[in-house]
Amino acid sequence: NGTPRFIAENYDPEDPTWLTLAFDCSLCGLCAAVCPVRISPGDLFLEMRREAVFRGAARLSDYKGIMAYEARGVSKKYSWYSLPEGCDTVLFPGCTFAGTRMDTTIKLYEHLKQTLPNLGIVLDCCCKPSHDLGRDDFFHDMFGEMRVYLTDHGVKTVIVVCPNCYKVFKTYGKSLSVTAAYERLAADTGKIIAGGIGAAP
C-alpha cells in the first residue's frame, strides 16, 4: 500500500480502508530503527488505529483473544496489590511473567527484598494490548487509575520485568520512576562481587 510517506500524504480518515490499513503494521519499531532520517512510522500507524477505534471502523473482534487475555489480567481475580508500610518501590512483573513463571516471580521478589525490605508487589496488567490496538480511552482510564493509586500510596519507583510494561511506565508513568529488574539484578551482582561475597578464593 505504498511507503509511509505515501500513506501519510494520501490518508483519508473518511475512508474505512485507510483506517483499517493501520492494523497491517505490527508496531514492532523496526522501521524506526533502520530509518536514515530518524522518523517513526509506527507512531503514524498508532494514531491511525486510534482514529479507527474512535470512528468505530476498527475490527476489534479480530483481536478478541488478546483482549480477553488483557481483561483477565486486570480482573479482580488476577490482580493483587501488596504495599507494605513505608513502601516506595514495587515489583511489577507483568501479567505474562507472573502468570507463566509464578515460582520465578516469587524468587525474584524475595531476592529484591533482601536489599529493599519495604518492597511491594503489584500483580496487574499495564494494558499495552489496548494501547497498541488504539483503544486510547480504555488504556488511559485503566493505566491512569493504577498510576494514581500507586502515587497516592507513596510509590515512587516501579521495577518491571516485561519490556512492554517498561515502555508503558516510561511513557505514561509521569512522576513514577521505572527500572528493569535485569538492571537491578545486575547492580546487585556487581555489589556482591565488589564486596567479595562468593568470590573465588
N, C-alpha and C. Protein backbone atom coordinates (compact mmCIF):
# COMPACT_ATOMS: atom_id res chain seq x y z
N ASN A 1 0.81 -1.21 0.00
CA ASN A 1 0.00 0.00 0.00
C ASN A 1 0.85 1.27 0.00
N GLY A 2 2.11 1.14 -0.40
CA GLY A 2 2.96 2.33 -0.51
C GLY A 2 3.83 2.55 0.69
N THR A 3 4.68 3.56 0.59
CA THR A 3 5.60 3.91 1.66
C THR A 3 4.87 4.68 2.76
N PRO A 4 5.48 4.79 3.94
CA PRO A 4 4.85 5.60 4.99
C PRO A 4 4.58 7.04 4.53
N ARG A 5 5.46 7.57 3.71
CA ARG A 5 5.24 8.94 3.21
C ARG A 5 3.99 8.99 2.32
N PHE A 6 3.87 8.00 1.43
CA PHE A 6 2.70 7.95 0.55
C PHE A 6 1.42 7.83 1.38
N ILE A 7 1.47 6.97 2.41
CA ILE A 7 0.30 6.78 3.27
C ILE A 7 -0.05 8.06 4.00
N ALA A 8 0.95 8.75 4.53
CA ALA A 8 0.71 10.00 5.26
C ALA A 8 0.12 11.07 4.36
N GLU A 9 0.60 11.14 3.12
CA GLU A 9 0.14 12.17 2.20
C GLU A 9 -1.25 11.89 1.65
N ASN A 10 -1.65 10.62 1.61
CA ASN A 10 -2.91 10.26 0.99
C ASN A 10 -3.96 9.78 1.98
N TYR A 11 -3.61 9.74 3.25
CA TYR A 11 -4.51 9.24 4.29
C TYR A 11 -5.83 10.02 4.31
N ASP A 12 -6.92 9.30 4.33
CA ASP A 12 -8.25 9.91 4.37
C ASP A 12 -9.05 9.24 5.48
N PRO A 13 -9.24 9.90 6.60
CA PRO A 13 -9.96 9.27 7.72
C PRO A 13 -11.43 8.99 7.43
N GLU A 14 -11.94 9.54 6.37
CA GLU A 14 -13.33 9.27 6.00
C GLU A 14 -13.46 7.94 5.26
N ASP A 15 -12.34 7.39 4.83
CA ASP A 15 -12.33 6.14 4.07
C ASP A 15 -11.95 4.99 5.02
N PRO A 16 -12.85 4.07 5.30
CA PRO A 16 -12.57 2.96 6.21
C PRO A 16 -11.35 2.13 5.80
N THR A 17 -11.07 2.09 4.50
CA THR A 17 -9.91 1.33 4.03
C THR A 17 -8.62 1.88 4.61
N TRP A 18 -8.52 3.20 4.66
CA TRP A 18 -7.32 3.82 5.24
C TRP A 18 -7.25 3.59 6.74
N LEU A 19 -8.39 3.63 7.39
CA LEU A 19 -8.42 3.45 8.84
C LEU A 19 -7.96 2.06 9.25
N THR A 20 -8.42 1.05 8.53
CA THR A 20 -8.06 -0.32 8.89
C THR A 20 -6.66 -0.70 8.40
N LEU A 21 -6.10 0.08 7.49
CA LEU A 21 -4.76 -0.19 6.99
C LEU A 21 -3.73 -0.19 8.12
N ALA A 22 -3.98 0.63 9.12
CA ALA A 22 -3.03 0.76 10.22
C ALA A 22 -2.79 -0.55 10.95
N PHE A 23 -3.74 -1.47 10.89
CA PHE A 23 -3.61 -2.73 11.61
C PHE A 23 -2.74 -3.73 10.87
N ASP A 24 -2.30 -3.37 9.65
CA ASP A 24 -1.34 -4.22 8.93
C ASP A 24 0.07 -4.04 9.49
N CYS A 25 0.29 -2.93 10.20
CA CYS A 25 1.59 -2.66 10.83
C CYS A 25 1.61 -3.33 12.20
N SER A 26 2.71 -4.01 12.53
CA SER A 26 2.81 -4.70 13.83
C SER A 26 3.33 -3.80 14.94
N LEU A 27 3.69 -2.56 14.62
CA LEU A 27 4.24 -1.61 15.59
C LEU A 27 5.51 -2.15 16.26
N CYS A 28 6.27 -2.95 15.53
CA CYS A 28 7.47 -3.57 16.11
C CYS A 28 8.62 -2.58 16.27
N GLY A 29 8.59 -1.48 15.53
CA GLY A 29 9.63 -0.46 15.65
C GLY A 29 10.84 -0.67 14.76
N LEU A 30 10.84 -1.73 13.95
CA LEU A 30 11.98 -2.00 13.09
C LEU A 30 12.19 -0.86 12.09
N CYS A 31 11.10 -0.33 11.53
CA CYS A 31 11.24 0.75 10.54
C CYS A 31 11.94 1.96 11.15
N ALA A 32 11.60 2.28 12.40
CA ALA A 32 12.23 3.41 13.07
C ALA A 32 13.71 3.13 13.35
N ALA A 33 14.00 1.88 13.67
CA ALA A 33 15.38 1.51 14.00
C ALA A 33 16.31 1.64 12.80
N VAL A 34 15.79 1.41 11.60
CA VAL A 34 16.64 1.45 10.40
C VAL A 34 16.45 2.72 9.58
N CYS A 35 15.54 3.59 10.00
CA CYS A 35 15.24 4.81 9.22
C CYS A 35 16.45 5.75 9.22
N PRO A 36 16.95 6.15 8.05
CA PRO A 36 18.13 7.03 7.99
C PRO A 36 17.84 8.46 8.44
N VAL A 37 16.57 8.86 8.47
CA VAL A 37 16.25 10.23 8.88
C VAL A 37 15.51 10.26 10.22
N ARG A 38 15.52 9.14 10.92
CA ARG A 38 15.04 9.05 12.29
C ARG A 38 13.56 9.44 12.46
N ILE A 39 12.73 8.96 11.57
CA ILE A 39 11.30 9.12 11.78
C ILE A 39 10.73 7.78 12.25
N SER A 40 9.54 7.83 12.84
CA SER A 40 8.94 6.62 13.39
C SER A 40 7.56 6.41 12.76
N PRO A 41 7.50 5.67 11.66
CA PRO A 41 6.19 5.41 11.04
C PRO A 41 5.21 4.71 11.97
N GLY A 42 5.73 3.97 12.94
CA GLY A 42 4.84 3.29 13.88
C GLY A 42 3.95 4.26 14.63
N ASP A 43 4.46 5.46 14.91
CA ASP A 43 3.66 6.48 15.59
C ASP A 43 2.48 6.89 14.73
N LEU A 44 2.74 6.99 13.43
CA LEU A 44 1.67 7.33 12.48
C LEU A 44 0.59 6.25 12.50
N PHE A 45 1.00 4.99 12.42
CA PHE A 45 0.03 3.90 12.37
C PHE A 45 -0.74 3.77 13.69
N LEU A 46 -0.08 4.07 14.81
CA LEU A 46 -0.79 4.03 16.08
C LEU A 46 -1.88 5.09 16.12
N GLU A 47 -1.56 6.28 15.63
CA GLU A 47 -2.58 7.34 15.59
C GLU A 47 -3.72 6.96 14.66
N MET A 48 -3.39 6.28 13.56
CA MET A 48 -4.43 5.82 12.64
C MET A 48 -5.32 4.77 13.32
N ARG A 49 -4.72 3.91 14.13
CA ARG A 49 -5.51 2.92 14.86
C ARG A 49 -6.46 3.61 15.83
N ARG A 50 -5.94 4.63 16.53
CA ARG A 50 -6.79 5.36 17.47
C ARG A 50 -7.96 6.02 16.76
N GLU A 51 -7.69 6.56 15.59
CA GLU A 51 -8.76 7.18 14.80
C GLU A 51 -9.78 6.14 14.35
N ALA A 52 -9.27 4.96 13.98
CA ALA A 52 -10.17 3.88 13.55
C ALA A 52 -11.10 3.46 14.69
N VAL A 53 -10.55 3.34 15.89
CA VAL A 53 -11.37 2.97 17.06
C VAL A 53 -12.37 4.08 17.34
N PHE A 54 -11.90 5.32 17.31
CA PHE A 54 -12.78 6.46 17.60
C PHE A 54 -13.96 6.51 16.63
N ARG A 55 -13.70 6.20 15.36
CA ARG A 55 -14.75 6.26 14.34
C ARG A 55 -15.53 4.95 14.22
N GLY A 56 -15.19 3.97 15.04
CA GLY A 56 -15.91 2.71 15.01
C GLY A 56 -15.60 1.84 13.80
N ALA A 57 -14.45 2.10 13.15
CA ALA A 57 -14.08 1.35 11.95
C ALA A 57 -13.14 0.18 12.24
N ALA A 58 -12.61 0.11 13.46
CA ALA A 58 -11.66 -0.95 13.80
C ALA A 58 -12.39 -2.28 14.00
N ARG A 59 -11.85 -3.33 13.42
CA ARG A 59 -12.44 -4.66 13.59
C ARG A 59 -11.83 -5.31 14.84
N LEU A 60 -12.23 -4.81 15.99
CA LEU A 60 -11.64 -5.29 17.24
C LEU A 60 -11.98 -6.74 17.52
N SER A 61 -13.03 -7.26 16.91
CA SER A 61 -13.37 -8.67 17.11
C SER A 61 -12.26 -9.59 16.60
N ASP A 62 -11.43 -9.08 15.69
CA ASP A 62 -10.30 -9.87 15.20
C ASP A 62 -9.26 -10.09 16.30
N TYR A 63 -9.33 -9.29 17.35
CA TYR A 63 -8.33 -9.34 18.42
C TYR A 63 -8.95 -9.74 19.75
N LYS A 64 -10.04 -10.50 19.68
CA LYS A 64 -10.75 -10.87 20.90
C LYS A 64 -9.89 -11.74 21.82
N GLY A 65 -8.95 -12.48 21.25
CA GLY A 65 -8.08 -13.32 22.07
C GLY A 65 -7.20 -12.50 22.99
N ILE A 66 -6.49 -11.53 22.43
CA ILE A 66 -5.58 -10.71 23.24
C ILE A 66 -6.38 -9.79 24.16
N MET A 67 -7.56 -9.36 23.72
CA MET A 67 -8.39 -8.51 24.57
C MET A 67 -8.93 -9.29 25.77
N ALA A 68 -9.26 -10.56 25.55
CA ALA A 68 -9.72 -11.40 26.65
C ALA A 68 -8.58 -11.67 27.64
N TYR A 69 -7.38 -11.84 27.11
CA TYR A 69 -6.19 -12.05 27.95
C TYR A 69 -5.96 -10.83 28.83
N GLU A 70 -6.06 -9.65 28.22
CA GLU A 70 -5.88 -8.41 28.97
C GLU A 70 -6.97 -8.25 30.03
N ALA A 71 -8.21 -8.55 29.66
CA ALA A 71 -9.33 -8.44 30.60
C ALA A 71 -9.11 -9.33 31.81
N ARG A 72 -8.56 -10.52 31.58
CA ARG A 72 -8.26 -11.42 32.69
C ARG A 72 -7.17 -10.82 33.58
N GLY A 73 -6.18 -10.20 32.94
CA GLY A 73 -5.06 -9.62 33.71
C GLY A 73 -5.46 -8.48 34.62
N VAL A 74 -6.49 -7.72 34.26
CA VAL A 74 -6.91 -6.59 35.08
C VAL A 74 -8.09 -6.94 36.00
N SER A 75 -8.56 -8.18 35.90
CA SER A 75 -9.72 -8.58 36.70
C SER A 75 -9.35 -8.71 38.18
N LYS A 76 -10.35 -8.65 39.04
CA LYS A 76 -10.12 -8.78 40.47
C LYS A 76 -9.54 -10.14 40.83
N LYS A 77 -9.85 -11.13 40.02
CA LYS A 77 -9.38 -12.49 40.30
C LYS A 77 -7.87 -12.61 40.10
N TYR A 78 -7.32 -11.83 39.17
CA TYR A 78 -5.91 -11.99 38.82
C TYR A 78 -5.03 -10.82 39.24
N SER A 79 -5.61 -9.71 39.66
CA SER A 79 -4.80 -8.56 40.08
C SER A 79 -4.71 -8.52 41.61
N TRP A 80 -3.57 -8.05 42.09
CA TRP A 80 -3.33 -8.03 43.54
C TRP A 80 -2.27 -6.97 43.85
N TYR A 81 -2.54 -6.16 44.88
CA TYR A 81 -1.62 -5.11 45.29
C TYR A 81 -1.18 -5.36 46.73
N SER A 82 0.12 -5.45 46.95
CA SER A 82 0.66 -5.59 48.29
C SER A 82 1.67 -4.47 48.51
N LEU A 83 1.26 -3.48 49.30
CA LEU A 83 2.10 -2.31 49.55
C LEU A 83 2.34 -2.20 51.05
N PRO A 84 3.45 -2.75 51.54
CA PRO A 84 3.72 -2.70 52.98
C PRO A 84 3.97 -1.27 53.46
N GLU A 85 3.91 -1.07 54.74
CA GLU A 85 4.14 0.25 55.31
C GLU A 85 5.55 0.75 54.94
N GLY A 86 5.64 1.97 54.50
CA GLY A 86 6.93 2.55 54.11
C GLY A 86 7.36 2.18 52.70
N CYS A 87 6.46 1.56 51.95
CA CYS A 87 6.79 1.12 50.59
C CYS A 87 6.83 2.29 49.62
N ASP A 88 7.97 2.47 48.96
CA ASP A 88 8.05 3.49 47.90
C ASP A 88 8.49 2.87 46.57
N THR A 89 8.71 1.53 46.59
CA THR A 89 9.13 0.82 45.38
C THR A 89 8.33 -0.48 45.28
N VAL A 90 7.88 -0.79 44.07
CA VAL A 90 7.12 -2.03 43.87
C VAL A 90 7.73 -2.82 42.71
N LEU A 91 7.59 -4.13 42.80
CA LEU A 91 7.90 -5.01 41.68
C LEU A 91 6.62 -5.20 40.87
N PHE A 92 6.73 -4.93 39.57
CA PHE A 92 5.59 -5.10 38.66
C PHE A 92 6.01 -6.13 37.62
N PRO A 93 5.78 -7.43 37.90
CA PRO A 93 6.27 -8.46 36.99
C PRO A 93 5.52 -8.52 35.66
N GLY A 94 4.32 -7.96 35.61
CA GLY A 94 3.53 -8.04 34.38
C GLY A 94 2.70 -9.30 34.37
N CYS A 95 1.60 -9.27 33.63
CA CYS A 95 0.67 -10.39 33.67
C CYS A 95 1.23 -11.67 33.06
N THR A 96 2.04 -11.56 32.00
CA THR A 96 2.56 -12.77 31.36
C THR A 96 3.61 -13.46 32.21
N PHE A 97 4.57 -12.70 32.71
CA PHE A 97 5.65 -13.29 33.51
C PHE A 97 5.09 -13.92 34.78
N ALA A 98 4.25 -13.18 35.49
CA ALA A 98 3.69 -13.72 36.73
C ALA A 98 2.76 -14.89 36.46
N GLY A 99 2.06 -14.85 35.34
CA GLY A 99 1.12 -15.92 35.02
C GLY A 99 1.77 -17.20 34.55
N THR A 100 2.95 -17.09 33.93
CA THR A 100 3.61 -18.28 33.38
C THR A 100 4.81 -18.74 34.19
N ARG A 101 5.33 -17.86 35.04
CA ARG A 101 6.53 -18.19 35.83
C ARG A 101 6.32 -17.75 37.29
N MET A 102 5.32 -18.33 37.91
CA MET A 102 4.95 -17.93 39.26
C MET A 102 6.09 -18.14 40.25
N ASP A 103 6.74 -19.30 40.18
CA ASP A 103 7.83 -19.60 41.12
C ASP A 103 8.99 -18.63 40.94
N THR A 104 9.31 -18.32 39.70
CA THR A 104 10.40 -17.38 39.43
C THR A 104 10.04 -15.99 39.91
N THR A 105 8.78 -15.61 39.76
CA THR A 105 8.33 -14.31 40.24
C THR A 105 8.51 -14.20 41.75
N ILE A 106 8.13 -15.25 42.48
CA ILE A 106 8.28 -15.25 43.93
C ILE A 106 9.76 -15.17 44.33
N LYS A 107 10.60 -15.94 43.64
CA LYS A 107 12.03 -15.91 43.94
C LYS A 107 12.64 -14.55 43.66
N LEU A 108 12.21 -13.92 42.56
CA LEU A 108 12.70 -12.59 42.23
C LEU A 108 12.29 -11.60 43.30
N TYR A 109 11.04 -11.67 43.72
CA TYR A 109 10.55 -10.76 44.76
C TYR A 109 11.33 -10.94 46.06
N GLU A 110 11.54 -12.19 46.44
CA GLU A 110 12.28 -12.46 47.68
C GLU A 110 13.72 -11.98 47.58
N HIS A 111 14.32 -12.13 46.39
CA HIS A 111 15.69 -11.67 46.20
C HIS A 111 15.77 -10.14 46.32
N LEU A 112 14.86 -9.46 45.68
CA LEU A 112 14.88 -8.00 45.71
C LEU A 112 14.62 -7.45 47.11
N LYS A 113 13.83 -8.17 47.88
CA LYS A 113 13.52 -7.73 49.25
C LYS A 113 14.75 -7.77 50.16
N GLN A 114 15.77 -8.48 49.76
CA GLN A 114 16.99 -8.52 50.58
C GLN A 114 17.64 -7.14 50.65
N THR A 115 17.52 -6.38 49.59
CA THR A 115 18.09 -5.02 49.59
C THR A 115 17.00 -3.95 49.65
N LEU A 116 15.74 -4.36 49.43
CA LEU A 116 14.61 -3.42 49.51
C LEU A 116 13.56 -4.04 50.43
N PRO A 117 13.79 -3.99 51.75
CA PRO A 117 12.90 -4.69 52.69
C PRO A 117 11.44 -4.22 52.64
N ASN A 118 11.19 -3.00 52.22
CA ASN A 118 9.83 -2.49 52.15
C ASN A 118 9.24 -2.59 50.74
N LEU A 119 9.84 -3.45 49.92
CA LEU A 119 9.39 -3.61 48.54
C LEU A 119 7.97 -4.17 48.49
N GLY A 120 7.14 -3.55 47.66
CA GLY A 120 5.81 -4.06 47.43
C GLY A 120 5.76 -4.84 46.13
N ILE A 121 4.62 -5.43 45.84
CA ILE A 121 4.45 -6.13 44.57
C ILE A 121 3.05 -5.86 44.03
N VAL A 122 2.97 -5.65 42.75
CA VAL A 122 1.69 -5.37 42.10
C VAL A 122 1.50 -6.36 40.96
N LEU A 123 0.46 -7.16 41.07
CA LEU A 123 0.08 -8.09 40.00
C LEU A 123 -1.09 -7.46 39.26
N ASP A 124 -0.83 -7.01 38.05
CA ASP A 124 -1.83 -6.32 37.26
C ASP A 124 -1.35 -6.28 35.81
N CYS A 125 -2.16 -5.77 34.94
CA CYS A 125 -1.79 -5.64 33.52
C CYS A 125 -1.63 -4.16 33.19
N CYS A 126 -0.60 -3.82 32.45
CA CYS A 126 -0.36 -2.42 32.08
C CYS A 126 -1.27 -1.97 30.94
N CYS A 127 -2.00 -2.90 30.35
CA CYS A 127 -2.96 -2.63 29.26
C CYS A 127 -2.30 -2.17 27.96
N LYS A 128 -1.08 -2.64 27.72
CA LYS A 128 -0.46 -2.30 26.44
C LYS A 128 -1.21 -2.88 25.25
N PRO A 129 -1.86 -4.06 25.36
CA PRO A 129 -2.65 -4.52 24.22
C PRO A 129 -3.67 -3.49 23.76
N SER A 130 -4.41 -2.91 24.71
CA SER A 130 -5.39 -1.88 24.34
C SER A 130 -4.70 -0.64 23.80
N HIS A 131 -3.57 -0.29 24.38
CA HIS A 131 -2.80 0.85 23.88
C HIS A 131 -2.45 0.66 22.42
N ASP A 132 -1.93 -0.52 22.08
CA ASP A 132 -1.48 -0.77 20.72
C ASP A 132 -2.64 -0.98 19.75
N LEU A 133 -3.79 -1.37 20.26
CA LEU A 133 -4.96 -1.52 19.40
C LEU A 133 -5.63 -0.18 19.12
N GLY A 134 -5.20 0.85 19.82
CA GLY A 134 -5.80 2.17 19.61
C GLY A 134 -6.97 2.46 20.52
N ARG A 135 -7.19 1.59 21.52
CA ARG A 135 -8.28 1.81 22.49
C ARG A 135 -7.80 2.82 23.52
N ASP A 136 -7.63 4.04 23.07
CA ASP A 136 -6.96 5.07 23.84
C ASP A 136 -7.68 5.41 25.14
N ASP A 137 -8.99 5.60 25.10
CA ASP A 137 -9.74 5.95 26.30
C ASP A 137 -9.65 4.85 27.35
N PHE A 138 -9.84 3.61 26.90
CA PHE A 138 -9.77 2.49 27.83
C PHE A 138 -8.37 2.39 28.45
N PHE A 139 -7.34 2.51 27.62
CA PHE A 139 -5.98 2.41 28.13
C PHE A 139 -5.70 3.47 29.19
N HIS A 140 -6.02 4.71 28.87
CA HIS A 140 -5.72 5.80 29.81
C HIS A 140 -6.56 5.70 31.08
N ASP A 141 -7.79 5.22 30.96
CA ASP A 141 -8.62 5.03 32.15
C ASP A 141 -8.01 3.97 33.07
N MET A 142 -7.61 2.84 32.49
CA MET A 142 -7.11 1.73 33.30
C MET A 142 -5.71 2.00 33.84
N PHE A 143 -4.79 2.41 32.96
CA PHE A 143 -3.43 2.66 33.43
C PHE A 143 -3.39 3.88 34.33
N GLY A 144 -4.17 4.90 33.97
CA GLY A 144 -4.20 6.11 34.79
C GLY A 144 -4.68 5.83 36.20
N GLU A 145 -5.71 4.97 36.33
CA GLU A 145 -6.21 4.61 37.65
C GLU A 145 -5.13 3.92 38.47
N MET A 146 -4.39 3.01 37.84
CA MET A 146 -3.32 2.32 38.55
C MET A 146 -2.21 3.27 38.95
N ARG A 147 -1.82 4.15 38.03
CA ARG A 147 -0.76 5.12 38.33
C ARG A 147 -1.13 6.02 39.50
N VAL A 148 -2.34 6.53 39.49
CA VAL A 148 -2.79 7.41 40.57
C VAL A 148 -2.82 6.65 41.90
N TYR A 149 -3.29 5.41 41.87
CA TYR A 149 -3.33 4.60 43.10
C TYR A 149 -1.93 4.44 43.67
N LEU A 150 -0.97 4.13 42.82
CA LEU A 150 0.40 3.92 43.29
C LEU A 150 0.99 5.20 43.85
N THR A 151 0.86 6.29 43.13
CA THR A 151 1.44 7.55 43.61
C THR A 151 0.75 8.04 44.88
N ASP A 152 -0.57 7.85 44.96
CA ASP A 152 -1.30 8.26 46.16
C ASP A 152 -0.88 7.46 47.38
N HIS A 153 -0.32 6.27 47.16
CA HIS A 153 0.14 5.42 48.27
C HIS A 153 1.65 5.50 48.47
N GLY A 154 2.25 6.53 47.92
CA GLY A 154 3.66 6.81 48.19
C GLY A 154 4.66 6.08 47.32
N VAL A 155 4.20 5.36 46.30
CA VAL A 155 5.13 4.65 45.42
C VAL A 155 5.81 5.64 44.48
N LYS A 156 7.12 5.51 44.38
CA LYS A 156 7.90 6.40 43.52
C LYS A 156 8.63 5.64 42.41
N THR A 157 8.93 4.36 42.66
CA THR A 157 9.70 3.59 41.69
C THR A 157 9.02 2.26 41.40
N VAL A 158 9.01 1.90 40.13
CA VAL A 158 8.43 0.63 39.70
C VAL A 158 9.53 -0.20 39.03
N ILE A 159 9.74 -1.41 39.53
CA ILE A 159 10.68 -2.34 38.93
C ILE A 159 9.89 -3.31 38.05
N VAL A 160 10.17 -3.30 36.77
CA VAL A 160 9.38 -4.12 35.84
C VAL A 160 10.22 -5.26 35.27
N VAL A 161 9.54 -6.32 34.85
CA VAL A 161 10.19 -7.46 34.21
C VAL A 161 9.94 -7.42 32.70
N CYS A 162 8.72 -7.12 32.32
CA CYS A 162 8.31 -7.15 30.92
C CYS A 162 8.75 -5.89 30.17
N PRO A 163 9.37 -6.03 29.00
CA PRO A 163 9.78 -4.85 28.22
C PRO A 163 8.61 -4.00 27.77
N ASN A 164 7.45 -4.61 27.56
CA ASN A 164 6.27 -3.83 27.19
C ASN A 164 5.80 -2.98 28.36
N CYS A 165 5.81 -3.55 29.55
CA CYS A 165 5.45 -2.78 30.75
C CYS A 165 6.45 -1.63 30.95
N TYR A 166 7.70 -1.91 30.65
CA TYR A 166 8.72 -0.86 30.78
C TYR A 166 8.37 0.33 29.88
N LYS A 167 8.01 0.04 28.63
CA LYS A 167 7.66 1.10 27.68
C LYS A 167 6.46 1.90 28.17
N VAL A 168 5.47 1.21 28.70
CA VAL A 168 4.26 1.89 29.16
C VAL A 168 4.55 2.80 30.34
N PHE A 169 5.26 2.26 31.35
CA PHE A 169 5.57 3.08 32.52
C PHE A 169 6.52 4.22 32.16
N LYS A 170 7.45 3.97 31.27
CA LYS A 170 8.39 5.00 30.87
C LYS A 170 7.68 6.13 30.14
N THR A 171 6.69 5.79 29.33
CA THR A 171 6.00 6.79 28.52
C THR A 171 4.87 7.47 29.28
N TYR A 172 4.14 6.71 30.10
CA TYR A 172 2.93 7.26 30.71
C TYR A 172 2.96 7.29 32.24
N GLY A 173 4.09 6.90 32.83
CA GLY A 173 4.16 6.82 34.29
C GLY A 173 4.25 8.16 34.98
N LYS A 174 4.53 9.22 34.22
CA LYS A 174 4.65 10.58 34.77
C LYS A 174 5.68 10.61 35.90
N SER A 175 5.24 10.84 37.14
CA SER A 175 6.20 11.01 38.24
C SER A 175 6.84 9.71 38.70
N LEU A 176 6.32 8.58 38.24
CA LEU A 176 6.90 7.30 38.63
C LEU A 176 8.20 7.04 37.88
N SER A 177 9.21 6.63 38.61
CA SER A 177 10.47 6.21 38.00
C SER A 177 10.39 4.72 37.70
N VAL A 178 10.94 4.31 36.56
CA VAL A 178 10.86 2.90 36.18
C VAL A 178 12.24 2.35 35.89
N THR A 179 12.48 1.12 36.34
CA THR A 179 13.74 0.45 36.06
C THR A 179 13.45 -1.01 35.75
N ALA A 180 14.31 -1.61 34.95
CA ALA A 180 14.12 -3.03 34.60
C ALA A 180 14.70 -3.91 35.71
N ALA A 181 14.03 -5.00 35.99
CA ALA A 181 14.50 -5.93 37.02
C ALA A 181 15.90 -6.43 36.69
N TYR A 182 16.20 -6.56 35.41
CA TYR A 182 17.50 -7.06 34.99
C TYR A 182 18.62 -6.07 35.36
N GLU A 183 18.32 -4.78 35.26
CA GLU A 183 19.29 -3.77 35.67
C GLU A 183 19.53 -3.86 37.18
N ARG A 184 18.45 -4.07 37.91
CA ARG A 184 18.57 -4.17 39.36
C ARG A 184 19.37 -5.41 39.75
N LEU A 185 19.11 -6.53 39.08
CA LEU A 185 19.84 -7.76 39.36
C LEU A 185 21.32 -7.61 39.02
N ALA A 186 21.60 -6.93 37.90
CA ALA A 186 23.00 -6.70 37.52
C ALA A 186 23.70 -5.83 38.55
N ALA A 187 23.00 -4.82 39.05
CA ALA A 187 23.59 -3.94 40.06
C ALA A 187 23.86 -4.71 41.35
N ASP A 188 22.91 -5.57 41.74
CA ASP A 188 23.09 -6.37 42.95
C ASP A 188 24.27 -7.33 42.80
N THR A 189 24.42 -7.93 41.60
CA THR A 189 25.53 -8.82 41.36
C THR A 189 26.85 -8.08 41.45
N GLY A 190 26.87 -6.87 40.92
CA GLY A 190 28.09 -6.05 40.99
C GLY A 190 28.49 -5.74 42.42
N LYS A 191 27.49 -5.48 43.25
CA LYS A 191 27.76 -5.18 44.67
C LYS A 191 28.33 -6.42 45.37
N ILE A 192 27.77 -7.59 45.03
CA ILE A 192 28.24 -8.84 45.64
C ILE A 192 29.70 -9.09 45.27
N ILE A 193 30.01 -8.91 43.98
CA ILE A 193 31.38 -9.14 43.50
C ILE A 193 32.34 -8.15 44.14
N ALA A 194 31.91 -6.87 44.20
CA ALA A 194 32.76 -5.84 44.79
C ALA A 194 33.01 -6.11 46.27
N GLY A 195 32.01 -6.70 46.94
CA GLY A 195 32.16 -6.97 48.36
C GLY A 195 32.89 -8.27 48.66
N GLY A 196 33.17 -9.04 47.62
CA GLY A 196 33.89 -10.27 47.79
C GLY A 196 33.06 -11.44 48.25
N ILE A 197 31.74 -11.25 48.27
CA ILE A 197 30.87 -12.35 48.72
C ILE A 197 30.77 -13.39 47.63
N GLY A 198 31.11 -14.58 47.95
CA GLY A 198 31.01 -15.67 46.98
C GLY A 198 32.12 -15.66 45.95
N ALA A 199 33.09 -14.80 46.12
CA ALA A 199 34.19 -14.73 45.15
C ALA A 199 35.09 -15.95 45.30
N ALA A 200 35.72 -16.33 44.24
CA ALA A 200 36.61 -17.47 44.27
C ALA A 200 37.82 -17.16 45.14
N PRO A 201 38.31 -18.12 45.89
CA PRO A 201 39.48 -17.89 46.78
C PRO A 201 40.73 -17.63 45.98
